[in-house]
Amino acid sequence: MLALVAVGLFLAGMMQSKPSKPQKKGPVDREPMIRLIREEAARQGVPAPIALAVAEVESEFDPTAAGDRAWADKRPELYQRLVVNNPKLAQNPARLDRKAWHSYGLFQLLAPHFVRGAEHPNVLLDPKVNAQRGIAFIKNLLKRHGDDVSKMRLAYAGATNASAAEQERVLGRFTAAYTRWRDGEAIA
């Protein structure tokens, strides 16, 4: 009987307490991330203002940024194709963990495209790994689009076939950030 009373009190307390709100993270120390991106961009031969603008727009230089963790539930057929049935990820121990396959880090890299073999998607939270793979992707897109920065950005955001309004939205913030970085007006 005492156990039932204790369980009843516990459940009553749970129903009365409000769920806690997620704590707002403090400001990100951008300087180390900016330095990392500059160094990696130079190493790969990508103009630093382009890489910096992408990282600013995608994550505001937050190496712990995480994208939509529920996309696999919203688009199960896409999750099935990109992750579960992907032969490159056949040995991946996190393959069936739907919450692991979102976008990660500085460049918001979508895990199914940037995780290799048996790596856990959390590897993309390593800023060095994220910068290496994100900047390599930018380099590839610039090459594919004849160094057209706007086309690269639309491809990066998956918006090449989007409506004109969506393309304008995608390009707006990026263009402003790119211009600031290119002209040396951005503050680290």
C-alpha atoms as a PDB file:
ATOM      1  CA  MET A   1       0.000   0.000   0.000  1.00  0.00           C
ATOM      2  CA  LEU A   2       2.843   2.392   0.879  1.00  0.00           C
ATOM      3  CA  ALA A   3       4.415   1.626  -2.495  1.00  0.00           C
ATOM      4  CA  LEU A   4       1.172   2.552  -4.266  1.00  0.00           C
ATOM      5  CA  VAL A   5       0.984   5.849  -2.390  1.00  0.00           C
ATOM      6  CA  ALA A   6       4.592   6.633  -3.305  1.00  0.00           C
ATOM      7  CA  VAL A   7       3.943   5.830  -6.975  1.00  0.00           C
ATOM      8  CA  GLY A   8       0.775   7.965  -6.876  1.00  0.00           C
ATOM      9  CA  LEU A   9       2.653  10.932  -5.378  1.00  0.00           C
ATOM     10  CA  PHE A  10       5.440  10.543  -7.917  1.00  0.00           C
ATOM     11  CA  LEU A  11       2.995  10.488 -10.844  1.00  0.00           C
ATOM     12  CA  ALA A  12       1.060  13.467  -9.442  1.00  0.00           C
ATOM     13  CA  GLY A  13       4.308  15.425  -9.177  1.00  0.00           C
ATOM     14  CA  MET A  14       5.239  14.482 -12.762  1.00  0.00           C
ATOM     15  CA  MET A  15       1.879  15.700 -14.074  1.00  0.00           C
ATOM     16  CA  GLN A  16       2.130  19.012 -12.220  1.00  0.00           C
ATOM     17  CA  SER A  17       5.688  19.851 -13.168  1.00  0.00           C
ATOM     18  CA  LYS A  18       6.147  21.598 -16.477  1.00  0.00           C
ATOM     19  CA  PRO A  19       8.669  20.180 -18.885  1.00  0.00           C
ATOM     20  CA  SER A  20      11.880  22.128 -18.681  1.00  0.00           C
ATOM     21  CA  LYS A  21      12.692  24.370 -21.597  1.00  0.00           C
ATOM     22  CA  PRO A  22      15.915  23.662 -23.406  1.00  0.00           C
ATOM     23  CA  GLN A  23      18.685  25.873 -22.127  1.00  0.00           C
ATOM     24  CA  LYS A  24      19.771  28.525 -24.578  1.00  0.00           C
ATOM     25  CA  LYS A  25      23.398  28.005 -25.408  1.00  0.00           C
ATOM     26  CA  GLY A  26      25.804  30.830 -24.748  1.00  0.00           C
ATOM     27  CA  PRO A  27      27.525  32.617 -27.596  1.00  0.00           C
ATOM     28  CA  VAL A  28      29.835  30.496 -29.688  1.00  0.00           C
ATOM     29  CA  ASP A  29      33.518  31.437 -29.728  1.00  0.00           C
ATOM     30  CA  ARG A  30      33.741  32.012 -33.460  1.00  0.00           C
ATOM     31  CA  GLU A  31      37.452  32.819 -33.691  1.00  0.00           C
ATOM     32  CA  PRO A  32      38.830  29.237 -33.497  1.00  0.00           C
ATOM     33  CA  MET A  33      36.250  28.058 -36.033  1.00  0.00           C
ATOM     34  CA  ILE A  34      37.008  30.943 -38.379  1.00  0.00           C
ATOM     35  CA  ARG A  35      40.731  30.209 -38.132  1.00  0.00           C
ATOM     36  CA  LEU A  36      40.100  26.498 -38.791  1.00  0.00           C
ATOM     37  CA  ILE A  37      37.942  27.272 -41.841  1.00  0.00           C
ATOM     38  CA  ARG A  38      40.493  29.743 -43.238  1.00  0.00           C
ATOM     39  CA  GLU A  39      43.298  27.178 -42.874  1.00  0.00           C
ATOM     40  CA  GLU A  40      41.301  24.335 -44.412  1.00  0.00           C
ATOM     41  CA  ALA A  41      40.059  26.527 -47.269  1.00  0.00           C
ATOM     42  CA  ALA A  42      43.659  27.555 -48.046  1.00  0.00           C
ATOM     43  CA  ARG A  43      44.773  23.911 -47.880  1.00  0.00           C
ATOM     44  CA  GLN A  44      42.094  22.865 -50.379  1.00  0.00           C
ATOM     45  CA  GLY A  45      42.397  25.928 -52.607  1.00  0.00           C
ATOM     46  CA  VAL A  46      38.901  27.268 -51.907  1.00  0.00           C
ATOM     47  CA  PRO A  47      38.431  31.016 -51.441  1.00  0.00           C
ATOM     48  CA  ALA A  48      38.050  31.530 -47.678  1.00  0.00           C
ATOM     49  CA  PRO A  49      35.186  34.069 -48.003  1.00  0.00           C
ATOM     50  CA  ILE A  50      33.038  31.418 -49.696  1.00  0.00           C
ATOM     51  CA  ALA A  51      33.702  28.783 -47.025  1.00  0.00           C
ATOM     52  CA  LEU A  52      33.242  31.318 -44.218  1.00  0.00           C
ATOM     53  CA  ALA A  53      29.941  32.537 -45.659  1.00  0.00           C
ATOM     54  CA  VAL A  54      28.591  28.987 -45.972  1.00  0.00           C
ATOM     55  CA  ALA A  55      29.548  28.158 -42.371  1.00  0.00           C
ATOM     56  CA  GLU A  56      28.096  31.434 -41.092  1.00  0.00           C
ATOM     57  CA  VAL A  57      24.764  30.861 -42.816  1.00  0.00           C
ATOM     58  CA  GLU A  58      24.572  27.153 -42.022  1.00  0.00           C
ATOM     59  CA  SER A  59      25.584  27.168 -38.345  1.00  0.00           C
ATOM     60  CA  GLU A  60      26.719  30.635 -37.263  1.00  0.00           C
ATOM     61  CA  PHE A  61      30.090  28.924 -36.653  1.00  0.00           C
ATOM     62  CA  ASP A  62      28.624  26.568 -34.045  1.00  0.00           C
ATOM     63  CA  PRO A  63      30.460  23.230 -34.327  1.00  0.00           C
ATOM     64  CA  THR A  64      27.720  21.528 -32.284  1.00  0.00           C
ATOM     65  CA  ALA A  65      24.829  22.687 -34.474  1.00  0.00           C
ATOM     66  CA  ALA A  66      22.382  19.923 -35.374  1.00  0.00           C
ATOM     67  CA  GLY A  67      19.758  19.930 -38.076  1.00  0.00           C
ATOM     68  CA  ASP A  68      16.280  18.442 -38.140  1.00  0.00           C
ATOM     69  CA  ARG A  69      16.533  15.185 -36.196  1.00  0.00           C
ATOM     70  CA  ALA A  70      13.085  14.053 -37.300  1.00  0.00           C
ATOM     71  CA  TRP A  71      13.538  14.137 -41.074  1.00  0.00           C
ATOM     72  CA  ALA A  72      13.933  10.344 -41.244  1.00  0.00           C
ATOM     73  CA  ASP A  73      10.515   9.973 -39.604  1.00  0.00           C
ATOM     74  CA  LYS A  74       9.013  12.585 -41.919  1.00  0.00           C
ATOM     75  CA  ARG A  75      10.542  11.059 -45.057  1.00  0.00           C
ATOM     76  CA  PRO A  76      10.896   7.308 -44.349  1.00  0.00           C
ATOM     77  CA  GLU A  77      11.316   6.443 -48.040  1.00  0.00           C
ATOM     78  CA  LEU A  78      14.249   8.850 -48.316  1.00  0.00           C
ATOM     79  CA  TYR A  79      15.814   7.519 -45.102  1.00  0.00           C
ATOM     80  CA  GLN A  80      15.401   3.982 -46.453  1.00  0.00           C
ATOM     81  CA  ARG A  81      17.134   4.920 -49.718  1.00  0.00           C
ATOM     82  CA  LEU A  82      19.909   7.135 -48.313  1.00  0.00           C
ATOM     83  CA  VAL A  83      20.792   5.162 -45.203  1.00  0.00           C
ATOM     84  CA  VAL A  84      19.282   1.706 -44.772  1.00  0.00           C
ATOM     85  CA  ASN A  85      19.682   0.552 -48.382  1.00  0.00           C
ATOM     86  CA  ASN A  86      22.919   2.445 -49.019  1.00  0.00           C
ATOM     87  CA  PRO A  87      25.635  -0.174 -49.682  1.00  0.00           C
ATOM     88  CA  LYS A  88      28.320   2.254 -48.467  1.00  0.00           C
ATOM     89  CA  LEU A  89      26.654   2.232 -45.030  1.00  0.00           C
ATOM     90  CA  ALA A  90      25.853  -1.501 -44.871  1.00  0.00           C
ATOM     91  CA  GLN A  91      28.298  -2.081 -42.012  1.00  0.00           C
ATOM     92  CA  ASN A  92      27.422   1.108 -40.162  1.00  0.00           C
ATOM     93  CA  PRO A  93      26.313   0.278 -36.602  1.00  0.00           C
ATOM     94  CA  ALA A  94      24.157   3.432 -36.440  1.00  0.00           C
ATOM     95  CA  ARG A  95      22.325   2.598 -39.675  1.00  0.00           C
ATOM     96  CA  LEU A  96      18.990   1.919 -37.970  1.00  0.00           C
ATOM     97  CA  ASP A  97      19.168   4.858 -35.537  1.00  0.00           C
ATOM     98  CA  ARG A  98      16.919   7.343 -37.341  1.00  0.00           C
ATOM     99  CA  LYS A  99      17.823  10.194 -34.988  1.00  0.00           C
ATOM    100  CA  ALA A 100      21.530   9.933 -35.897  1.00  0.00           C
ATOM    101  CA  TRP A 101      21.082  10.819 -39.571  1.00  0.00           C
ATOM    102  CA  HIS A 102      20.601  14.569 -39.576  1.00  0.00           C
ATOM    103  CA  SER A 103      22.873  17.464 -40.492  1.00  0.00           C
ATOM    104  CA  TYR A 104      25.849  18.222 -38.289  1.00  0.00           C
ATOM    105  CA  GLY A 105      28.284  20.931 -37.347  1.00  0.00           C
ATOM    106  CA  LEU A 106      29.817  23.981 -38.940  1.00  0.00           C
ATOM    107  CA  PHE A 107      28.747  23.165 -42.484  1.00  0.00           C
ATOM    108  CA  GLN A 108      25.540  21.313 -41.544  1.00  0.00           C
ATOM    109  CA  LEU A 109      26.640  18.216 -43.406  1.00  0.00           C
ATOM    110  CA  LEU A 110      23.844  15.720 -43.948  1.00  0.00           C
ATOM    111  CA  ALA A 111      25.138  12.513 -42.395  1.00  0.00           C
ATOM    112  CA  PRO A 112      24.037  10.028 -45.106  1.00  0.00           C
ATOM    113  CA  HIS A 113      26.188  11.884 -47.627  1.00  0.00           C
ATOM    114  CA  PHE A 114      29.261  12.609 -45.498  1.00  0.00           C
ATOM    115  CA  VAL A 115      29.667   9.623 -43.156  1.00  0.00           C
ATOM    116  CA  ARG A 116      32.083   7.005 -44.413  1.00  0.00           C
ATOM    117  CA  GLY A 117      31.681   3.288 -43.876  1.00  0.00           C
ATOM    118  CA  ALA A 118      31.254   2.333 -40.236  1.00  0.00           C
ATOM    119  CA  GLU A 119      31.752   5.862 -38.859  1.00  0.00           C
ATOM    120  CA  HIS A 120      29.086   7.033 -36.473  1.00  0.00           C
ATOM    121  CA  PRO A 121      27.446  10.227 -37.747  1.00  0.00           C
ATOM    122  CA  ASN A 122      28.737  12.012 -34.624  1.00  0.00           C
ATOM    123  CA  VAL A 123      32.150  12.082 -36.334  1.00  0.00           C
ATOM    124  CA  LEU A 124      30.776  15.123 -38.161  1.00  0.00           C
ATOM    125  CA  LEU A 125      30.729  17.017 -34.859  1.00  0.00           C
ATOM    126  CA  ASP A 126      34.520  17.111 -34.982  1.00  0.00           C
ATOM    127  CA  PRO A 127      35.113  20.611 -36.394  1.00  0.00           C
ATOM    128  CA  LYS A 128      38.206  19.488 -38.332  1.00  0.00           C
ATOM    129  CA  VAL A 129      36.387  16.592 -39.997  1.00  0.00           C
ATOM    130  CA  ASN A 130      33.365  18.792 -40.682  1.00  0.00           C
ATOM    131  CA  ALA A 131      35.479  21.574 -42.196  1.00  0.00           C
ATOM    132  CA  GLN A 132      37.495  19.132 -44.331  1.00  0.00           C
ATOM    133  CA  ARG A 133      34.408  17.463 -45.763  1.00  0.00           C
ATOM    134  CA  GLY A 134      32.330  20.635 -46.038  1.00  0.00           C
ATOM    135  CA  ILE A 135      35.042  22.558 -47.864  1.00  0.00           C
ATOM    136  CA  ALA A 136      35.763  19.579 -50.129  1.00  0.00           C
ATOM    137  CA  PHE A 137      32.068  19.595 -51.019  1.00  0.00           C
ATOM    138  CA  ILE A 138      32.191  23.335 -51.754  1.00  0.00           C
ATOM    139  CA  LYS A 139      35.290  22.786 -53.922  1.00  0.00           C
ATOM    140  CA  ASN A 140      33.531  20.030 -55.862  1.00  0.00           C
ATOM    141  CA  LEU A 141      30.411  22.171 -56.364  1.00  0.00           C
ATOM    142  CA  LEU A 142      32.461  25.165 -57.535  1.00  0.00           C
ATOM    143  CA  LYS A 143      34.210  22.952 -60.069  1.00  0.00           C
ATOM    144  CA  ARG A 144      30.919  21.418 -61.199  1.00  0.00           C
ATOM    145  CA  HIS A 145      29.322  24.866 -61.627  1.00  0.00           C
ATOM    146  CA  GLY A 146      32.236  26.601 -63.333  1.00  0.00           C
ATOM    147  CA  ASP A 147      33.210  28.618 -60.227  1.00  0.00           C
ATOM    148  CA  ASP A 148      29.768  30.264 -60.182  1.00  0.00           C
ATOM    149  CA  VAL A 149      29.360  31.043 -56.472  1.00  0.00           C
ATOM    150  CA  SER A 150      25.568  31.489 -56.672  1.00  0.00           C
ATOM    151  CA  LYS A 151      25.059  28.151 -58.425  1.00  0.00           C
ATOM    152  CA  MET A 152      27.388  26.513 -55.882  1.00  0.00           C
ATOM    153  CA  ARG A 153      25.306  27.898 -53.001  1.00  0.00           C
ATOM    154  CA  LEU A 154      22.012  26.779 -54.543  1.00  0.00           C
ATOM    155  CA  ALA A 155      23.433  23.285 -55.073  1.00  0.00           C
ATOM    156  CA  TYR A 156      24.856  23.219 -51.538  1.00  0.00           C
ATOM    157  CA  ALA A 157      21.411  24.064 -50.148  1.00  0.00           C
ATOM    158  CA  GLY A 158      19.670  21.589 -52.453  1.00  0.00           C
ATOM    159  CA  ALA A 159      17.783  24.463 -54.059  1.00  0.00           C
ATOM    160  CA  THR A 160      18.847  24.278 -57.713  1.00  0.00           C
ATOM    161  CA  ASN A 161      15.336  23.239 -58.750  1.00  0.00           C
ATOM    162  CA  ALA A 162      13.516  25.338 -56.136  1.00  0.00           C
ATOM    163  CA  SER A 163      11.115  28.151 -56.911  1.00  0.00           C
ATOM    164  CA  ALA A 164      12.552  31.560 -57.725  1.00  0.00           C
ATOM    165  CA  ALA A 165      11.374  32.837 -54.330  1.00  0.00           C
ATOM    166  CA  GLU A 166      13.117  29.989 -52.489  1.00  0.00           C
ATOM    167  CA  GLN A 167      16.298  30.489 -54.496  1.00  0.00           C
ATOM    168  CA  GLU A 168      16.223  34.182 -53.656  1.00  0.00           C
ATOM    169  CA  ARG A 169      15.813  33.356 -49.964  1.00  0.00           C
ATOM    170  CA  VAL A 170      18.719  30.888 -50.058  1.00  0.00           C
ATOM    171  CA  LEU A 171      20.978  33.325 -51.868  1.00  0.00           C
ATOM    172  CA  GLY A 172      20.023  36.386 -49.810  1.00  0.00           C
ATOM    173  CA  ARG A 173      21.746  35.649 -46.493  1.00  0.00           C
ATOM    174  CA  PHE A 174      24.623  33.866 -48.198  1.00  0.00           C
ATOM    175  CA  THR A 175      25.321  36.732 -50.579  1.00  0.00           C
ATOM    176  CA  ALA A 176      25.330  39.254 -47.742  1.00  0.00           C
ATOM    177  CA  ALA A 177      27.709  37.087 -45.682  1.00  0.00           C
ATOM    178  CA  TYR A 178      29.946  36.331 -48.654  1.00  0.00           C
ATOM    179  CA  THR A 179      30.205  40.018 -49.546  1.00  0.00           C
ATOM    180  CA  ARG A 180      31.155  40.939 -45.953  1.00  0.00           C
ATOM    181  CA  TRP A 181      33.838  38.224 -45.803  1.00  0.00           C
ATOM    182  CA  ARG A 182      35.152  39.009 -49.277  1.00  0.00           C
ATOM    183  CA  ASP A 183      35.370  42.737 -48.555  1.00  0.00           C
ATOM    184  CA  GLY A 184      36.959  42.166 -45.137  1.00  0.00           C
ATOM    185  CA  GLU A 185      34.036  43.699 -43.271  1.00  0.00           C
ATOM    186  CA  ALA A 186      33.061  40.580 -41.349  1.00  0.00           C
ATOM    187  CA  ILE A 187      34.196  40.570 -37.761  1.00  0.00           C
ATOM    188  CA  ALA A 188      35.760  37.400 -36.458  1.00  0.00           C
END
